[in-house]
């Protein structure tokens, strides 16, 4: 007899491979809203289960692989800080291998899916060893082509967010998956603004992505306030939905405000069930006018469904703070000499302070030469390259 986790994985795979178009897979993104407390994390898992979510998701990082030393050592003065430096802050919120195993065991016990985002290659290996049912690649790594290439080669489903990226980068993600012969992945429409203003939610992008990549399942990872816009995303065609989850929106931490609390998550689950009952998600998508009619209208809903940039994906101004803070750059993986020709093994992709060439240029600079020497873990900038 199949276990609950097996059934949840089967459901996800059927959605990803388009064998099932009338279901919605709902992920409660716990992320680091657990405040670094294992018992709080378990309480959140239980509340997500009670609400009717299919899966809970955490964020796994190997801090030295994700950040440069200067990024970890920078002073972090914020009301949301858990340490004097950004490294101390992130370390406080990071669970150990043993803690992940406990959380996974608890999730299995209460029959809810369990996974995490892989924020770097060591974390990807960690999650593969943990045997999670699928791995999330967050928006901050959607342009991390070495990580995506490695993930694509693994026999594990992937859910990939596309916040703060261009359509050119999304095209490259699809190309990497195709080159690996991997069709077990989904793309998530996402805007990396916390919270996302309704007029930037750009839900028309869901239909655009569905048309541009007809064999790929499109989902939605939302950061707006409330659930109405997420409901519209589902009616527009999203079949995997992820929302940040919290027990209390007033807690310390920058993600709580744009998270759903248990009551809101319960309401979202009820709406999904009503949509299925009324056959609103039996077709691939509904028009903006149909969605507005079904949901009863409202200015914010209409703003989220307006054409805007819905025909072509761009990095929005509201996403720039997140991209500047957590966007990844190309850095030196070792000390590099003047006029050295750059090889793939010379490069790493990290959050850097200061930033360097954006990660999506990774393949472009391989083979170029350096006009300056670069120390290991330092960012590579355009003015270091010989044209």
Protein backbone atom coordinates (compact mmCIF):
# COMPACT_ATOMS: atom_id res chain seq x y z
CA UNK A 1 0.00 0.00 0.00
CA UNK A 2 1.39 3.41 -1.03
CA UNK A 3 2.38 5.77 1.78
CA UNK A 4 1.00 9.29 2.05
CA UNK A 5 4.32 10.75 0.86
CA UNK A 6 4.25 8.43 -2.16
CA UNK A 7 0.74 9.58 -3.03
CA UNK A 8 1.72 13.24 -2.69
CA UNK A 9 4.75 12.70 -4.93
CA UNK A 10 2.56 10.87 -7.46
CA UNK A 11 0.13 13.80 -7.46
CA UNK A 12 2.96 16.30 -7.99
CA UNK A 13 4.48 14.25 -10.81
CA UNK A 14 1.12 13.92 -12.55
CA UNK A 15 0.70 17.71 -12.37
CA UNK A 16 4.25 18.34 -13.60
CA UNK A 17 3.89 15.91 -16.52
CA UNK A 18 0.38 17.25 -17.30
CA UNK A 19 -1.31 13.91 -16.74
CA UNK A 20 -3.42 15.70 -14.10
CA UNK A 21 -4.72 19.19 -14.92
CA UNK A 22 -7.58 19.45 -12.44
CA UNK A 23 -5.57 19.50 -9.22
CA UNK A 24 -3.56 22.17 -7.42
CA UNK A 25 -0.48 21.24 -5.37
CA UNK A 26 -0.22 23.66 -2.44
CA UNK A 27 3.15 24.31 -0.77
CA UNK A 28 3.42 26.09 2.58
CA UNK A 29 6.75 27.93 2.44
CA UNK A 30 7.95 27.90 6.03
CA UNK A 31 11.34 29.12 4.86
CA UNK A 32 13.00 30.60 7.91
CA UNK A 33 9.83 31.84 9.60
CA UNK A 34 10.49 29.23 12.30
CA UNK A 35 12.75 31.78 14.07
CA UNK A 36 15.51 29.16 14.36
CA UNK A 37 13.37 27.05 16.72
CA UNK A 38 12.78 23.35 15.99
CA UNK A 39 9.57 23.16 18.04
CA UNK A 40 8.16 26.21 16.28
CA UNK A 41 8.97 24.56 12.96
CA UNK A 42 7.08 21.43 14.03
CA UNK A 43 4.10 23.55 15.09
CA UNK A 44 4.12 25.20 11.68
CA UNK A 45 4.22 21.83 9.92
CA UNK A 46 1.22 20.69 11.96
CA UNK A 47 -0.74 23.88 11.20
CA UNK A 48 0.02 23.53 7.49
CA UNK A 49 -1.26 19.96 7.62
CA UNK A 50 -4.43 21.06 9.43
CA UNK A 51 -5.00 23.77 6.83
CA UNK A 52 -4.90 21.19 4.03
CA UNK A 53 -1.53 21.96 2.41
CA UNK A 54 0.14 19.21 0.40
CA UNK A 55 3.69 20.05 1.41
CA UNK A 56 5.87 22.20 3.67
CA UNK A 57 9.08 23.72 2.39
CA UNK A 58 12.15 25.04 4.18
CA UNK A 59 15.30 26.79 2.89
CA UNK A 60 18.64 24.97 3.03
CA UNK A 61 21.91 26.85 2.73
CA UNK A 62 25.59 26.07 3.12
CA UNK A 63 26.56 29.60 4.12
CA UNK A 64 30.15 29.50 2.84
CA UNK A 65 28.96 28.12 -0.49
CA UNK A 66 26.11 30.62 -0.84
CA UNK A 67 27.83 33.81 0.37
CA UNK A 68 31.27 35.33 0.00
CA UNK A 69 33.20 36.02 3.19
CA UNK A 70 32.61 39.77 2.82
CA UNK A 71 28.85 39.21 2.46
CA UNK A 72 28.80 37.10 5.64
CA UNK A 73 30.95 39.54 7.57
CA UNK A 74 29.02 42.69 6.74
CA UNK A 75 27.29 44.41 9.64
CA UNK A 76 23.57 43.64 9.71
CA UNK A 77 21.64 46.30 11.59
CA UNK A 78 17.92 45.64 11.27
CA UNK A 79 14.93 45.07 13.51
CA UNK A 80 14.77 41.64 11.86
CA UNK A 81 18.40 40.71 12.62
CA UNK A 82 19.34 37.65 14.68
CA UNK A 83 23.05 38.57 14.79
CA UNK A 84 25.53 41.42 14.52
CA UNK A 85 26.70 40.31 11.07
CA UNK A 86 24.68 38.87 8.21
CA UNK A 87 26.54 35.58 8.66
CA UNK A 88 25.59 35.37 12.35
CA UNK A 89 21.99 36.19 11.41
CA UNK A 90 21.82 33.41 8.80
CA UNK A 91 23.61 30.91 11.02
CA UNK A 92 21.04 31.45 13.78
CA UNK A 93 18.23 30.52 11.37
CA UNK A 94 19.92 27.49 9.77
CA UNK A 95 18.92 23.98 10.87
CA UNK A 96 21.44 21.14 11.11
CA UNK A 97 21.29 17.81 9.29
CA UNK A 98 19.90 16.13 12.41
CA UNK A 99 17.21 18.79 12.78
CA UNK A 100 16.21 18.38 9.14
CA UNK A 101 15.92 14.65 9.70
CA UNK A 102 13.66 15.26 12.71
CA UNK A 103 11.45 17.64 10.74
CA UNK A 104 11.23 15.23 7.84
CA UNK A 105 10.32 12.36 10.18
CA UNK A 106 7.64 14.48 11.84
CA UNK A 107 6.19 15.46 8.45
CA UNK A 108 6.08 11.81 7.41
CA UNK A 109 4.39 10.93 10.69
CA UNK A 110 1.54 13.40 10.17
CA UNK A 111 1.41 12.70 6.42
CA UNK A 112 2.43 15.93 4.76
CA UNK A 113 5.11 16.36 2.11
CA UNK A 114 8.48 17.77 3.20
CA UNK A 115 11.18 19.48 1.14
CA UNK A 116 13.41 22.56 0.94
CA UNK A 117 14.97 25.01 -1.48
CA UNK A 118 18.58 24.23 -2.41
CA UNK A 119 20.43 27.53 -2.15
CA UNK A 120 23.82 26.17 -3.33
CA UNK A 121 25.43 22.95 -4.59
CA UNK A 122 26.29 21.43 -1.16
CA UNK A 123 22.67 22.00 -0.12
CA UNK A 124 21.48 20.34 -3.32
CA UNK A 125 23.58 17.28 -2.44
CA UNK A 126 22.23 17.40 1.12
CA UNK A 127 18.61 17.33 -0.06
CA UNK A 128 19.27 14.53 -2.52
CA UNK A 129 20.76 12.46 0.32
CA UNK A 130 17.72 13.33 2.45
CA UNK A 131 15.55 11.81 -0.31
CA UNK A 132 13.02 14.64 -0.46
CA UNK A 133 10.24 14.12 -3.05
CA UNK A 134 11.26 17.21 -5.06
CA UNK A 135 13.69 20.11 -4.78
CA UNK A 136 12.85 23.79 -5.09
CA UNK A 137 15.20 26.15 -6.90
CA UNK A 138 14.37 29.64 -5.65
CA UNK A 139 14.33 32.84 -7.67
CA UNK A 140 17.76 33.80 -6.33
CA UNK A 141 19.21 30.77 -8.12
CA UNK A 142 17.11 30.82 -11.29
CA UNK A 143 20.14 32.37 -13.03
CA UNK A 144 22.62 30.09 -11.26
CA UNK A 145 23.22 27.96 -14.34
CA UNK A 146 25.86 25.62 -12.82
CA UNK A 147 23.44 24.74 -9.99
CA UNK A 148 20.58 24.26 -12.46
CA UNK A 149 22.73 22.11 -14.73
CA UNK A 150 23.65 19.85 -11.83
CA UNK A 151 20.05 19.71 -10.56
CA UNK A 152 18.78 18.89 -14.06
CA UNK A 153 21.07 15.86 -14.22
CA UNK A 154 19.57 14.33 -11.08
CA UNK A 155 16.64 11.94 -11.07
CA UNK A 156 14.47 14.18 -8.91
CA UNK A 157 11.60 16.57 -9.78
CA UNK A 158 12.37 20.29 -9.68
CA UNK A 159 10.16 23.32 -9.01
CA UNK A 160 11.90 26.48 -10.24
CA UNK A 161 10.84 30.04 -9.37
CA UNK A 162 11.51 32.85 -11.83
CA UNK A 163 11.40 36.04 -9.74
CA UNK A 164 13.79 38.93 -10.56
CA UNK A 165 14.76 37.27 -13.86
CA UNK A 166 14.28 38.14 -17.54
CA UNK A 167 12.58 36.00 -20.16
CA UNK A 168 16.03 35.34 -21.64
CA UNK A 169 17.06 33.69 -18.37
CA UNK A 170 13.86 31.63 -18.25
CA UNK A 171 14.57 30.49 -21.82
CA UNK A 172 18.02 29.36 -20.63
CA UNK A 173 16.47 27.40 -17.74
CA UNK A 174 14.26 25.54 -20.22
CA UNK A 175 17.25 24.95 -22.51
CA UNK A 176 19.28 23.47 -19.62
CA UNK A 177 16.42 21.12 -18.74
CA UNK A 178 15.97 20.06 -22.36
CA UNK A 179 19.69 19.42 -22.80
CA UNK A 180 19.58 17.17 -19.73
CA UNK A 181 16.53 15.33 -21.09
CA UNK A 182 14.65 16.36 -17.94
CA UNK A 183 10.88 16.88 -18.24
CA UNK A 184 10.14 16.51 -14.51
CA UNK A 185 10.15 20.19 -13.63
CA UNK A 186 7.78 23.13 -13.28
CA UNK A 187 8.31 26.88 -13.63
CA UNK A 188 6.78 29.22 -11.05
CA UNK A 189 5.71 32.72 -11.99
CA UNK A 190 7.06 34.86 -9.18
CA UNK A 191 7.73 38.51 -8.36
CA UNK A 192 10.46 38.96 -5.74
CA UNK A 193 9.01 41.96 -3.91
CA UNK A 194 8.01 41.61 -0.25
CA UNK A 195 5.12 42.31 -0.26
CA UNK A 196 4.37 42.53 -3.99
CA UNK A 197 2.16 45.49 -4.98
CA UNK A 198 -0.96 44.27 -6.83
CA UNK A 199 -0.02 46.18 -10.00
CA UNK A 200 3.30 44.28 -10.10
CA UNK A 201 1.82 40.78 -9.59
CA UNK A 202 1.55 40.49 -13.36
CA UNK A 203 -0.68 37.40 -13.45
CA UNK A 204 -0.91 37.58 -17.23
CA UNK A 205 2.64 36.19 -17.19
CA UNK A 206 1.18 32.79 -16.23
CA UNK A 207 -0.65 32.56 -19.56
CA UNK A 208 2.41 33.90 -21.39
CA UNK A 209 4.64 31.20 -19.86
CA UNK A 210 2.05 28.52 -20.64
CA UNK A 211 2.03 29.60 -24.29
CA UNK A 212 5.80 29.97 -24.54
CA UNK A 213 6.56 26.59 -22.91
CA UNK A 214 3.50 24.44 -23.71
CA UNK A 215 4.99 21.21 -22.35
CA UNK A 216 5.97 22.78 -18.99
CA UNK A 217 3.62 23.08 -16.01
CA UNK A 218 3.41 26.65 -14.73
CA UNK A 219 2.85 27.48 -11.08
CA UNK A 220 2.74 30.57 -8.90
CA UNK A 221 4.87 31.63 -5.95
CA UNK A 222 3.19 34.70 -4.48
CA UNK A 223 4.40 37.38 -2.07
CA UNK A 224 1.37 39.67 -2.09
CA UNK A 225 -0.83 40.35 0.90
CA UNK A 226 -3.88 38.12 1.32
CA UNK A 227 -5.17 35.29 -0.88
CA UNK A 228 -7.36 36.91 -3.54
CA UNK A 229 -4.56 37.38 -6.08
CA UNK A 230 -3.35 33.82 -5.48
CA UNK A 231 -6.90 32.61 -6.17
CA UNK A 232 -6.75 34.50 -9.46
CA UNK A 233 -3.39 32.90 -10.28
CA UNK A 234 -4.97 29.46 -9.89
CA UNK A 235 -7.89 30.38 -12.15
CA UNK A 236 -5.40 31.80 -14.66
CA UNK A 237 -3.67 28.42 -14.89
CA UNK A 238 -1.24 27.92 -11.99
CA UNK A 239 -1.29 24.28 -10.89
CA UNK A 240 1.47 24.40 -8.26
CA UNK A 241 1.05 27.18 -5.71
CA UNK A 242 3.48 28.30 -3.03
CA UNK A 243 2.84 30.88 -0.32
CA UNK A 244 4.99 31.82 2.66
CA UNK A 245 3.46 30.60 5.91
CA UNK A 246 3.60 32.02 9.44
CA UNK A 247 1.97 31.52 12.82
CA UNK A 248 2.04 35.26 13.53
CA UNK A 249 2.57 38.07 11.02
CA UNK A 250 3.88 40.36 13.76
CA UNK A 251 6.88 38.18 14.58
CA UNK A 252 10.45 39.30 14.01
CA UNK A 253 11.57 38.52 10.46
CA UNK A 254 11.15 40.18 7.06
CA UNK A 255 8.98 37.43 5.49
CA UNK A 256 6.17 37.30 8.04
CA UNK A 257 4.21 40.27 6.72
CA UNK A 258 3.70 38.76 3.24
CA UNK A 259 3.05 35.27 4.62
CA UNK A 260 -0.33 33.61 5.13
CA UNK A 261 -1.38 32.72 8.65
CA UNK A 262 -3.26 29.45 9.38
CA UNK A 263 -6.67 31.07 8.93
CA UNK A 264 -5.73 32.51 5.53
CA UNK A 265 -4.18 29.21 4.41
CA UNK A 266 -7.39 27.39 5.39
CA UNK A 267 -9.37 29.90 3.33
CA UNK A 268 -7.10 29.33 0.33
CA UNK A 269 -7.59 25.56 0.59
CA UNK A 270 -11.37 26.04 0.74
CA UNK A 271 -11.23 28.21 -2.38
CA UNK A 272 -9.20 25.59 -4.24
CA UNK A 273 -11.76 22.94 -3.32
CA UNK A 274 -14.61 25.21 -4.47
CA UNK A 275 -12.82 25.84 -7.77
CA UNK A 276 -12.49 22.10 -8.32
CA UNK A 277 -16.12 21.50 -7.35
CA UNK A 278 -17.28 24.17 -9.82
CA UNK A 279 -14.92 22.86 -12.55
CA UNK A 280 -13.18 26.26 -12.76
CA UNK A 281 -9.81 24.56 -13.08
CA UNK A 282 -10.88 21.79 -15.44
CA UNK A 283 -9.63 23.84 -18.40
CA UNK A 284 -6.08 25.10 -18.84
CA UNK A 285 -6.92 28.66 -17.84
CA UNK A 286 -9.62 31.31 -17.74
CA UNK A 287 -9.51 34.81 -19.20
CA UNK A 288 -8.90 37.84 -17.00
CA UNK A 289 -12.54 38.91 -17.41
CA UNK A 290 -13.76 35.46 -16.36
CA UNK A 291 -11.48 35.48 -13.32
CA UNK A 292 -12.66 38.93 -12.24
CA UNK A 293 -16.28 37.81 -12.58
CA UNK A 294 -15.78 34.60 -10.58
CA UNK A 295 -13.93 36.40 -7.77
CA UNK A 296 -16.28 39.37 -7.62
CA UNK A 297 -13.97 42.07 -8.93
CA UNK A 298 -12.04 44.68 -6.99
CA UNK A 299 -9.34 47.19 -7.89
CA UNK A 300 -6.39 45.15 -6.59
CA UNK A 301 -7.56 42.07 -8.49
CA UNK A 302 -7.93 44.07 -11.69
CA UNK A 303 -4.46 45.56 -11.19
CA UNK A 304 -2.93 42.11 -10.76
CA UNK A 305 -4.62 40.91 -13.97
CA UNK A 306 -3.83 43.93 -16.14
CA UNK A 307 -1.70 43.40 -19.22
CA UNK A 308 1.30 45.39 -17.95
CA UNK A 309 4.46 43.44 -18.74
CA UNK A 310 2.48 40.25 -19.23
CA UNK A 311 3.79 39.62 -22.72
CA UNK A 312 7.48 39.69 -21.86
CA UNK A 313 9.24 39.02 -18.58
CA UNK A 314 11.43 41.80 -17.20
CA UNK A 315 13.01 42.60 -13.84
CA UNK A 316 10.61 44.98 -12.10
CA UNK A 317 11.72 48.02 -10.10
CA UNK A 318 10.02 46.57 -7.02
CA UNK A 319 12.30 43.51 -7.31
CA UNK A 320 15.55 45.48 -7.29
CA UNK A 321 15.96 45.61 -3.48
CA UNK A 322 15.80 41.81 -3.31
CA UNK A 323 18.08 41.38 -6.33
CA UNK A 324 20.63 43.77 -4.84
CA UNK A 325 20.49 42.01 -1.45
CA UNK A 326 20.32 38.35 -2.51
CA UNK A 327 21.01 38.24 -6.25
CA UNK A 328 24.04 36.11 -7.08
CA UNK A 329 27.24 37.19 -8.76
CA UNK A 330 30.17 35.51 -10.45
CA UNK A 331 33.15 35.25 -8.08
CA UNK A 332 36.58 33.66 -8.24
CA UNK A 333 36.67 30.07 -7.02
CA UNK A 334 40.46 30.38 -6.52
CA UNK A 335 43.18 32.99 -6.89
CA UNK A 336 43.35 34.00 -10.56
CA UNK A 337 46.31 35.62 -12.31
CA UNK A 338 46.58 38.54 -14.75
CA UNK A 339 45.80 37.47 -18.36
CA UNK A 340 44.62 34.06 -17.16
CA UNK A 341 41.97 32.55 -19.44
CA UNK A 342 38.84 31.85 -17.43
CA UNK A 343 37.71 28.23 -17.13
CA UNK A 344 34.51 26.94 -15.58
CA UNK A 345 36.45 25.61 -12.59
CA UNK A 346 37.75 29.14 -11.90
CA UNK A 347 34.26 30.45 -11.15
CA UNK A 348 31.70 30.20 -8.38
CA UNK A 349 28.23 31.71 -8.04
CA UNK A 350 27.57 33.46 -4.71
CA UNK A 351 25.82 36.34 -3.03
CA UNK A 352 28.66 38.86 -3.00
CA UNK A 353 29.38 42.12 -1.18
CA UNK A 354 30.11 44.11 -3.30
CA UNK A 355 28.35 42.46 -6.22
CA UNK A 356 30.03 41.38 -9.43
CA UNK A 357 28.91 40.31 -12.90
CA UNK A 358 25.37 38.83 -12.61
CA UNK A 359 25.23 35.05 -12.43
CA UNK A 360 23.37 34.72 -15.75
CA UNK A 361 26.56 35.85 -17.58
CA UNK A 362 28.38 32.72 -16.38
CA UNK A 363 28.68 31.02 -19.76
CA UNK A 364 29.45 34.32 -21.51
CA UNK A 365 32.72 34.98 -19.68
CA UNK A 366 34.22 31.48 -19.86
CA UNK A 367 37.19 31.70 -22.25
CA UNK A 368 37.77 35.41 -21.66
CA UNK A 369 41.00 36.71 -20.10
CA UNK A 370 41.56 38.81 -17.00
CA UNK A 371 43.31 42.16 -17.09
CA UNK A 372 43.69 42.05 -13.28
CA UNK A 373 44.44 39.37 -10.74
CA UNK A 374 41.49 38.29 -8.59
CA UNK A 375 41.63 36.71 -5.16
CA UNK A 376 39.54 33.66 -4.27
CA UNK A 377 35.99 34.59 -3.16
CA UNK A 378 36.20 38.08 -4.70
CA UNK A 379 33.65 39.23 -7.29
CA UNK A 380 34.60 39.41 -10.96
CA UNK A 381 33.52 42.70 -12.53
CA UNK A 382 33.22 43.79 -16.16
CA UNK A 383 36.28 46.08 -15.93
CA UNK A 384 38.45 43.07 -14.99
CA UNK A 385 37.85 41.41 -18.36
CA UNK A 386 39.84 41.92 -21.56
CA UNK A 387 37.34 42.67 -24.37
